[in-house]
Amino acid sequence: MAEVHIIGQIIQAKDFPKQNLFCKWSLQIGNNWKIISGKKEGQTQVTSSQLLLDFKKFY
């Protein structure tokens, strides 16, 4: 049986009107596929652009 694993990360985002950002995701699959483990849709963790600015002060 074939398997697909999806792993990734967002490297950069800018010029958004809101300070806290997250991504919503969903899988769209054909009739010949089935999800045997995990979720069909979800949301990433929330990150804040202010946290990144505060972190850069220490470098």
PDB file of N, CA and C in Angstrom:
ATOM      1  N   MET A   1       0.839  -1.170   0.000  1.00  0.00           N
ATOM      2  CA  MET A   1       0.000   0.000   0.000  1.00  0.00           C
ATOM      3  C   MET A   1       0.893   1.246   0.000  1.00  0.00           C
ATOM      4  N   ALA A   2       0.572   2.207  -0.820  1.00  0.00           N
ATOM      5  CA  ALA A   2       1.322   3.464  -0.887  1.00  0.00           C
ATOM      6  C   ALA A   2       0.963   4.352   0.298  1.00  0.00           C
ATOM      7  N   GLU A   3       1.935   5.132   0.751  1.00  0.00           N
ATOM      8  CA  GLU A   3       1.710   6.076   1.842  1.00  0.00           C
ATOM      9  C   GLU A   3       2.193   7.452   1.431  1.00  0.00           C
ATOM     10  N   VAL A   4       1.538   8.477   1.940  1.00  0.00           N
ATOM     11  CA  VAL A   4       1.951   9.864   1.715  1.00  0.00           C
ATOM     12  C   VAL A   4       2.105  10.528   3.075  1.00  0.00           C
ATOM     13  N   HIS A   5       3.248  11.143   3.306  1.00  0.00           N
ATOM     14  CA  HIS A   5       3.509  11.894   4.534  1.00  0.00           C
ATOM     15  C   HIS A   5       3.765  13.343   4.131  1.00  0.00           C
ATOM     16  N   ILE A   6       3.083  14.263   4.770  1.00  0.00           N
ATOM     17  CA  ILE A   6       3.236  15.682   4.441  1.00  0.00           C
ATOM     18  C   ILE A   6       3.837  16.386   5.653  1.00  0.00           C
ATOM     19  N   ILE A   7       5.022  16.961   5.447  1.00  0.00           N
ATOM     20  CA  ILE A   7       5.734  17.662   6.511  1.00  0.00           C
ATOM     21  C   ILE A   7       6.247  18.968   5.921  1.00  0.00           C
ATOM     22  N   GLY A   8       6.135  20.048   6.650  1.00  0.00           N
ATOM     23  CA  GLY A   8       6.624  21.316   6.117  1.00  0.00           C
ATOM     24  C   GLY A   8       6.666  22.396   7.174  1.00  0.00           C
ATOM     25  N   GLN A   9       7.102  23.550   6.742  1.00  0.00           N
ATOM     26  CA  GLN A   9       7.150  24.701   7.629  1.00  0.00           C
ATOM     27  C   GLN A   9       7.005  25.979   6.824  1.00  0.00           C
ATOM     28  N   ILE A  10       6.524  27.005   7.473  1.00  0.00           N
ATOM     29  CA  ILE A  10       6.441  28.328   6.861  1.00  0.00           C
ATOM     30  C   ILE A  10       7.699  29.077   7.267  1.00  0.00           C
ATOM     31  N   ILE A  11       8.444  29.547   6.303  1.00  0.00           N
ATOM     32  CA  ILE A  11       9.707  30.225   6.572  1.00  0.00           C
ATOM     33  C   ILE A  11       9.501  31.698   6.909  1.00  0.00           C
ATOM     34  N   GLN A  12       8.624  32.369   6.178  1.00  0.00           N
ATOM     35  CA  GLN A  12       8.462  33.803   6.392  1.00  0.00           C
ATOM     36  C   GLN A  12       7.067  34.251   5.971  1.00  0.00           C
ATOM     37  N   ALA A  13       6.556  35.230   6.675  1.00  0.00           N
ATOM     38  CA  ALA A  13       5.301  35.894   6.312  1.00  0.00           C
ATOM     39  C   ALA A  13       5.431  37.354   6.721  1.00  0.00           C
ATOM     40  N   LYS A  14       4.947  38.252   5.904  1.00  0.00           N
ATOM     41  CA  LYS A  14       5.051  39.669   6.255  1.00  0.00           C
ATOM     42  C   LYS A  14       3.898  40.447   5.641  1.00  0.00           C
ATOM     43  N   ASP A  15       3.737  41.658   6.138  1.00  0.00           N
ATOM     44  CA  ASP A  15       2.715  42.596   5.661  1.00  0.00           C
ATOM     45  C   ASP A  15       1.293  42.098   5.896  1.00  0.00           C
ATOM     46  N   PHE A  16       1.072  41.430   7.030  1.00  0.00           N
ATOM     47  CA  PHE A  16      -0.275  41.014   7.402  1.00  0.00           C
ATOM     48  C   PHE A  16      -0.859  42.052   8.361  1.00  0.00           C
ATOM     49  N   PRO A  17      -2.154  42.331   8.265  1.00  0.00           N
ATOM     50  CA  PRO A  17      -2.752  43.346   9.140  1.00  0.00           C
ATOM     51  C   PRO A  17      -2.855  42.905  10.602  1.00  0.00           C
ATOM     52  N   LYS A  18      -2.854  41.622  10.875  1.00  0.00           N
ATOM     53  CA  LYS A  18      -2.977  41.110  12.246  1.00  0.00           C
ATOM     54  C   LYS A  18      -1.611  40.700  12.775  1.00  0.00           C
ATOM     55  N   GLN A  19      -1.433  40.776  14.094  1.00  0.00           N
ATOM     56  CA  GLN A  19      -0.151  40.435  14.710  1.00  0.00           C
ATOM     57  C   GLN A  19      -0.003  38.925  14.928  1.00  0.00           C
ATOM     58  N   ASN A  20      -1.089  38.236  15.255  1.00  0.00           N
ATOM     59  CA  ASN A  20      -1.049  36.790  15.489  1.00  0.00           C
ATOM     60  C   ASN A  20      -1.470  36.055  14.225  1.00  0.00           C
ATOM     61  N   LEU A  21      -0.663  35.083  13.802  1.00  0.00           N
ATOM     62  CA  LEU A  21      -0.930  34.362  12.560  1.00  0.00           C
ATOM     63  C   LEU A  21      -0.955  32.855  12.782  1.00  0.00           C
ATOM     64  N   PHE A  22      -1.752  32.166  11.974  1.00  0.00           N
ATOM     65  CA  PHE A  22      -1.781  30.711  11.930  1.00  0.00           C
ATOM     66  C   PHE A  22      -2.302  30.310  10.561  1.00  0.00           C
ATOM     67  N   CYS A  23      -2.116  29.057  10.207  1.00  0.00           N
ATOM     68  CA  CYS A  23      -2.629  28.534   8.937  1.00  0.00           C
ATOM     69  C   CYS A  23      -3.681  27.470   9.220  1.00  0.00           C
ATOM     70  N   LYS A  24      -4.737  27.490   8.445  1.00  0.00           N
ATOM     71  CA  LYS A  24      -5.714  26.404   8.458  1.00  0.00           C
ATOM     72  C   LYS A  24      -5.420  25.536   7.245  1.00  0.00           C
ATOM     73  N   TRP A  25      -5.529  24.231   7.408  1.00  0.00           N
ATOM     74  CA  TRP A  25      -5.215  23.312   6.313  1.00  0.00           C
ATOM     75  C   TRP A  25      -6.293  22.238   6.225  1.00  0.00           C
ATOM     76  N   SER A  26      -6.388  21.642   5.048  1.00  0.00           N
ATOM     77  CA  SER A  26      -7.301  20.512   4.855  1.00  0.00           C
ATOM     78  C   SER A  26      -6.775  19.640   3.724  1.00  0.00           C
ATOM     79  N   LEU A  27      -7.093  18.363   3.787  1.00  0.00           N
ATOM     80  CA  LEU A  27      -6.723  17.416   2.740  1.00  0.00           C
ATOM     81  C   LEU A  27      -7.921  17.171   1.839  1.00  0.00           C
ATOM     82  N   GLN A  28      -7.707  17.244   0.553  1.00  0.00           N
ATOM     83  CA  GLN A  28      -8.737  16.920  -0.432  1.00  0.00           C
ATOM     84  C   GLN A  28      -8.262  15.650  -1.132  1.00  0.00           C
ATOM     85  N   ILE A  29      -8.983  14.554  -0.959  1.00  0.00           N
ATOM     86  CA  ILE A  29      -8.531  13.273  -1.506  1.00  0.00           C
ATOM     87  C   ILE A  29      -9.575  12.696  -2.456  1.00  0.00           C
ATOM     88  N   GLY A  30      -9.092  11.890  -3.384  1.00  0.00           N
ATOM     89  CA  GLY A  30      -9.971  11.235  -4.348  1.00  0.00           C
ATOM     90  C   GLY A  30     -10.622   9.985  -3.769  1.00  0.00           C
ATOM     91  N   ASN A  31     -11.516   9.401  -4.531  1.00  0.00           N
ATOM     92  CA  ASN A  31     -12.259   8.221  -4.081  1.00  0.00           C
ATOM     93  C   ASN A  31     -11.376   7.001  -3.841  1.00  0.00           C
ATOM     94  N   ASN A  32     -10.223   6.929  -4.489  1.00  0.00           N
ATOM     95  CA  ASN A  32      -9.341   5.773  -4.336  1.00  0.00           C
ATOM     96  C   ASN A  32      -8.362   5.916  -3.168  1.00  0.00           C
ATOM     97  N   TRP A  33      -8.478   6.990  -2.399  1.00  0.00           N
ATOM     98  CA  TRP A  33      -7.606   7.222  -1.248  1.00  0.00           C
ATOM     99  C   TRP A  33      -8.440   7.198   0.024  1.00  0.00           C
ATOM    100  N   LYS A  34      -7.787   6.867   1.152  1.00  0.00           N
ATOM    101  CA  LYS A  34      -8.450   6.978   2.445  1.00  0.00           C
ATOM    102  C   LYS A  34      -7.429   7.399   3.490  1.00  0.00           C
ATOM    103  N   ILE A  35      -7.887   8.125   4.464  1.00  0.00           N
ATOM    104  CA  ILE A  35      -7.024   8.555   5.565  1.00  0.00           C
ATOM    105  C   ILE A  35      -7.059   7.458   6.621  1.00  0.00           C
ATOM    106  N   ILE A  36      -5.896   6.868   6.893  1.00  0.00           N
ATOM    107  CA  ILE A  36      -5.850   5.780   7.870  1.00  0.00           C
ATOM    108  C   ILE A  36      -5.331   6.256   9.226  1.00  0.00           C
ATOM    109  N   SER A  37      -4.751   7.448   9.259  1.00  0.00           N
ATOM    110  CA  SER A  37      -4.234   7.982  10.511  1.00  0.00           C
ATOM    111  C   SER A  37      -4.162   9.498  10.397  1.00  0.00           C
ATOM    112  N   GLY A  38      -4.418  10.178  11.469  1.00  0.00           N
ATOM    113  CA  GLY A  38      -4.330  11.633  11.461  1.00  0.00           C
ATOM    114  C   GLY A  38      -5.651  12.290  11.121  1.00  0.00           C
ATOM    115  N   LYS A  39      -5.583  13.577  10.891  1.00  0.00           N
ATOM    116  CA  LYS A  39      -6.785  14.376  10.674  1.00  0.00           C
ATOM    117  C   LYS A  39      -6.916  14.816   9.227  1.00  0.00           C
ATOM    118  N   LYS A  40      -8.129  15.110   8.826  1.00  0.00           N
ATOM    119  CA  LYS A  40      -8.407  15.588   7.470  1.00  0.00           C
ATOM    120  C   LYS A  40      -8.259  17.110   7.378  1.00  0.00           C
ATOM    121  N   GLU A  41      -8.407  17.796   8.499  1.00  0.00           N
ATOM    122  CA  GLU A  41      -8.240  19.250   8.515  1.00  0.00           C
ATOM    123  C   GLU A  41      -7.770  19.685   9.887  1.00  0.00           C
ATOM    124  N   GLY A  42      -7.188  20.879   9.941  1.00  0.00           N
ATOM    125  CA  GLY A  42      -6.689  21.370  11.217  1.00  0.00           C
ATOM    126  C   GLY A  42      -6.130  22.771  11.102  1.00  0.00           C
ATOM    127  N   GLN A  43      -5.377  23.142  12.116  1.00  0.00           N
ATOM    128  CA  GLN A  43      -4.799  24.478  12.201  1.00  0.00           C
ATOM    129  C   GLN A  43      -3.431  24.365  12.851  1.00  0.00           C
ATOM    130  N   THR A  44      -2.491  25.182  12.383  1.00  0.00           N
ATOM    131  CA  THR A  44      -1.159  25.207  12.977  1.00  0.00           C
ATOM    132  C   THR A  44      -1.196  25.960  14.297  1.00  0.00           C
ATOM    133  N   GLN A  45      -0.074  25.978  14.987  1.00  0.00           N
ATOM    134  CA  GLN A  45       0.027  26.790  16.187  1.00  0.00           C
ATOM    135  C   GLN A  45      -0.037  28.267  15.802  1.00  0.00           C
ATOM    136  N   VAL A  46      -0.330  29.110  16.765  1.00  0.00           N
ATOM    137  CA  VAL A  46      -0.403  30.557  16.534  1.00  0.00           C
ATOM    138  C   VAL A  46       0.957  31.151  16.854  1.00  0.00           C
ATOM    139  N   THR A  47       1.422  32.063  16.018  1.00  0.00           N
ATOM    140  CA  THR A  47       2.656  32.778  16.290  1.00  0.00           C
ATOM    141  C   THR A  47       2.388  34.270  16.216  1.00  0.00           C
ATOM    142  N   SER A  48       3.209  35.035  16.880  1.00  0.00           N
ATOM    143  CA  SER A  48       3.026  36.480  16.940  1.00  0.00           C
ATOM    144  C   SER A  48       4.235  37.177  16.344  1.00  0.00           C
ATOM    145  N   SER A  49       4.001  38.159  15.498  1.00  0.00           N
ATOM    146  CA  SER A  49       5.112  38.926  14.932  1.00  0.00           C
ATOM    147  C   SER A  49       5.816  39.716  16.027  1.00  0.00           C
ATOM    148  N   GLN A  50       5.126  40.082  17.087  1.00  0.00           N
ATOM    149  CA  GLN A  50       5.741  40.806  18.196  1.00  0.00           C
ATOM    150  C   GLN A  50       6.768  39.936  18.905  1.00  0.00           C
ATOM    151  N   LEU A  51       6.498  38.641  19.046  1.00  0.00           N
ATOM    152  CA  LEU A  51       7.472  37.735  19.658  1.00  0.00           C
ATOM    153  C   LEU A  51       8.760  37.700  18.857  1.00  0.00           C
ATOM    154  N   LEU A  52       8.657  37.700  17.542  1.00  0.00           N
ATOM    155  CA  LEU A  52       9.846  37.682  16.695  1.00  0.00           C
ATOM    156  C   LEU A  52      10.640  38.962  16.850  1.00  0.00           C
ATOM    157  N   LEU A  53       9.968  40.098  16.936  1.00  0.00           N
ATOM    158  CA  LEU A  53      10.667  41.371  17.120  1.00  0.00           C
ATOM    159  C   LEU A  53      11.370  41.406  18.467  1.00  0.00           C
ATOM    160  N   ASP A  54      10.724  40.930  19.532  1.00  0.00           N
ATOM    161  CA  ASP A  54      11.337  40.896  20.856  1.00  0.00           C
ATOM    162  C   ASP A  54      12.528  39.950  20.880  1.00  0.00           C
ATOM    163  N   PHE A  55      12.445  38.823  20.185  1.00  0.00           N
ATOM    164  CA  PHE A  55      13.526  37.845  20.141  1.00  0.00           C
ATOM    165  C   PHE A  55      14.766  38.433  19.466  1.00  0.00           C
ATOM    166  N   LYS A  56      14.575  39.225  18.419  1.00  0.00           N
ATOM    167  CA  LYS A  56      15.708  39.803  17.689  1.00  0.00           C
ATOM    168  C   LYS A  56      16.475  40.816  18.532  1.00  0.00           C
ATOM    169  N   LYS A  57      15.879  41.379  19.569  1.00  0.00           N
ATOM    170  CA  LYS A  57      16.565  42.343  20.435  1.00  0.00           C
ATOM    171  C   LYS A  57      17.729  41.695  21.171  1.00  0.00           C
ATOM    172  N   PHE A  58      17.670  40.385  21.383  1.00  0.00           N
ATOM    173  CA  PHE A  58      18.709  39.694  22.133  1.00  0.00           C
ATOM    174  C   PHE A  58      19.923  39.340  21.280  1.00  0.00           C
ATOM    175  N   TYR A  59      19.847  39.539  19.974  1.00  0.00           N
ATOM    176  CA  TYR A  59      20.973  39.201  19.105  1.00  0.00           C
ATOM    177  C   TYR A  59      21.721  40.421  18.670  1.00  0.00           C
TER     178      TYR A  59
END
